[in-house]
């Protein structure tokens, strides 16, 4: 199962642990939006190519 994590703001330690634990045994990708370097077209492609998407605010 492919899991995509989209992170809007810098995660705290608890959020980082959640992201790591949800990804155990899965193909995991993390995209950060808060750094400003976002390839929006690639993000849309990633959303549709992954089985699950989790957005972290």
C-alpha atoms as a PDB file:
ATOM      1  CA  UNK A   1       0.000   0.000   0.000  1.00  0.00           C
ATOM      2  CA  UNK A   2       1.379   3.407  -0.979  1.00  0.00           C
ATOM      3  CA  UNK A   3       0.949   6.175   1.603  1.00  0.00           C
ATOM      4  CA  UNK A   4       1.387   9.894   0.889  1.00  0.00           C
ATOM      5  CA  UNK A   5       1.862  12.370   3.751  1.00  0.00           C
ATOM      6  CA  UNK A   6       1.335  16.037   2.933  1.00  0.00           C
ATOM      7  CA  UNK A   7       2.721  18.299   5.656  1.00  0.00           C
ATOM      8  CA  UNK A   8       1.514  21.912   5.619  1.00  0.00           C
ATOM      9  CA  UNK A   9       3.474  23.290   8.585  1.00  0.00           C
ATOM     10  CA  UNK A  10       6.641  22.171  10.351  1.00  0.00           C
ATOM     11  CA  UNK A  11       5.710  19.087  12.391  1.00  0.00           C
ATOM     12  CA  UNK A  12       6.433  18.820  16.082  1.00  0.00           C
ATOM     13  CA  UNK A  13       7.952  15.681  17.604  1.00  0.00           C
ATOM     14  CA  UNK A  14       4.566  14.002  18.127  1.00  0.00           C
ATOM     15  CA  UNK A  15       3.503  14.538  14.520  1.00  0.00           C
ATOM     16  CA  UNK A  16       6.858  13.213  13.299  1.00  0.00           C
ATOM     17  CA  UNK A  17       6.316  10.021  15.311  1.00  0.00           C
ATOM     18  CA  UNK A  18       2.797   9.621  13.900  1.00  0.00           C
ATOM     19  CA  UNK A  19       4.083   9.998  10.348  1.00  0.00           C
ATOM     20  CA  UNK A  20       6.833   7.438  10.975  1.00  0.00           C
ATOM     21  CA  UNK A  21       4.477   4.946  12.664  1.00  0.00           C
ATOM     22  CA  UNK A  22       1.781   5.177   9.975  1.00  0.00           C
ATOM     23  CA  UNK A  23       4.426   4.424   7.367  1.00  0.00           C
ATOM     24  CA  UNK A  24       5.713   1.187   8.906  1.00  0.00           C
ATOM     25  CA  UNK A  25       5.634  -1.598   6.353  1.00  0.00           C
ATOM     26  CA  UNK A  26       4.329   0.664   3.623  1.00  0.00           C
ATOM     27  CA  UNK A  27       5.750   2.579   0.707  1.00  0.00           C
ATOM     28  CA  UNK A  28       5.813   6.071   2.188  1.00  0.00           C
ATOM     29  CA  UNK A  29       6.349   9.523   0.727  1.00  0.00           C
ATOM     30  CA  UNK A  30       6.344  12.842   2.589  1.00  0.00           C
ATOM     31  CA  UNK A  31       5.776  16.150   0.817  1.00  0.00           C
ATOM     32  CA  UNK A  32       6.328  19.364   2.761  1.00  0.00           C
ATOM     33  CA  UNK A  33       4.436  22.473   1.735  1.00  0.00           C
ATOM     34  CA  UNK A  34       5.933  24.817   4.324  1.00  0.00           C
ATOM     35  CA  UNK A  35       9.345  25.118   2.671  1.00  0.00           C
ATOM     36  CA  UNK A  36       7.844  26.846  -0.393  1.00  0.00           C
ATOM     37  CA  UNK A  37       9.394  24.576  -3.038  1.00  0.00           C
ATOM     38  CA  UNK A  38       6.336  22.666  -4.212  1.00  0.00           C
ATOM     39  CA  UNK A  39       5.881  21.154  -7.639  1.00  0.00           C
ATOM     40  CA  UNK A  40       2.086  21.372  -7.684  1.00  0.00           C
ATOM     41  CA  UNK A  41       1.685  19.273 -10.807  1.00  0.00           C
ATOM     42  CA  UNK A  42       3.777  16.476  -9.290  1.00  0.00           C
ATOM     43  CA  UNK A  43       1.787  16.767  -6.050  1.00  0.00           C
ATOM     44  CA  UNK A  44      -1.478  16.144  -7.908  1.00  0.00           C
ATOM     45  CA  UNK A  45       0.106  13.166  -9.675  1.00  0.00           C
ATOM     46  CA  UNK A  46       1.311  11.802  -6.313  1.00  0.00           C
ATOM     47  CA  UNK A  47      -2.153  12.153  -4.772  1.00  0.00           C
ATOM     48  CA  UNK A  48      -3.687  10.044  -7.528  1.00  0.00           C
ATOM     49  CA  UNK A  49      -0.879   7.477  -7.634  1.00  0.00           C
ATOM     50  CA  UNK A  50      -0.957   6.676  -3.893  1.00  0.00           C
ATOM     51  CA  UNK A  51      -3.552   4.480  -2.195  1.00  0.00           C
ATOM     52  CA  UNK A  52      -3.901   6.710   0.868  1.00  0.00           C
ATOM     53  CA  UNK A  53      -3.200  10.389   1.510  1.00  0.00           C
ATOM     54  CA  UNK A  54      -2.908  12.008   4.941  1.00  0.00           C
ATOM     55  CA  UNK A  55      -2.748  15.800   5.291  1.00  0.00           C
ATOM     56  CA  UNK A  56      -1.003  17.166   8.369  1.00  0.00           C
ATOM     57  CA  UNK A  57      -1.836  20.758   9.369  1.00  0.00           C
END
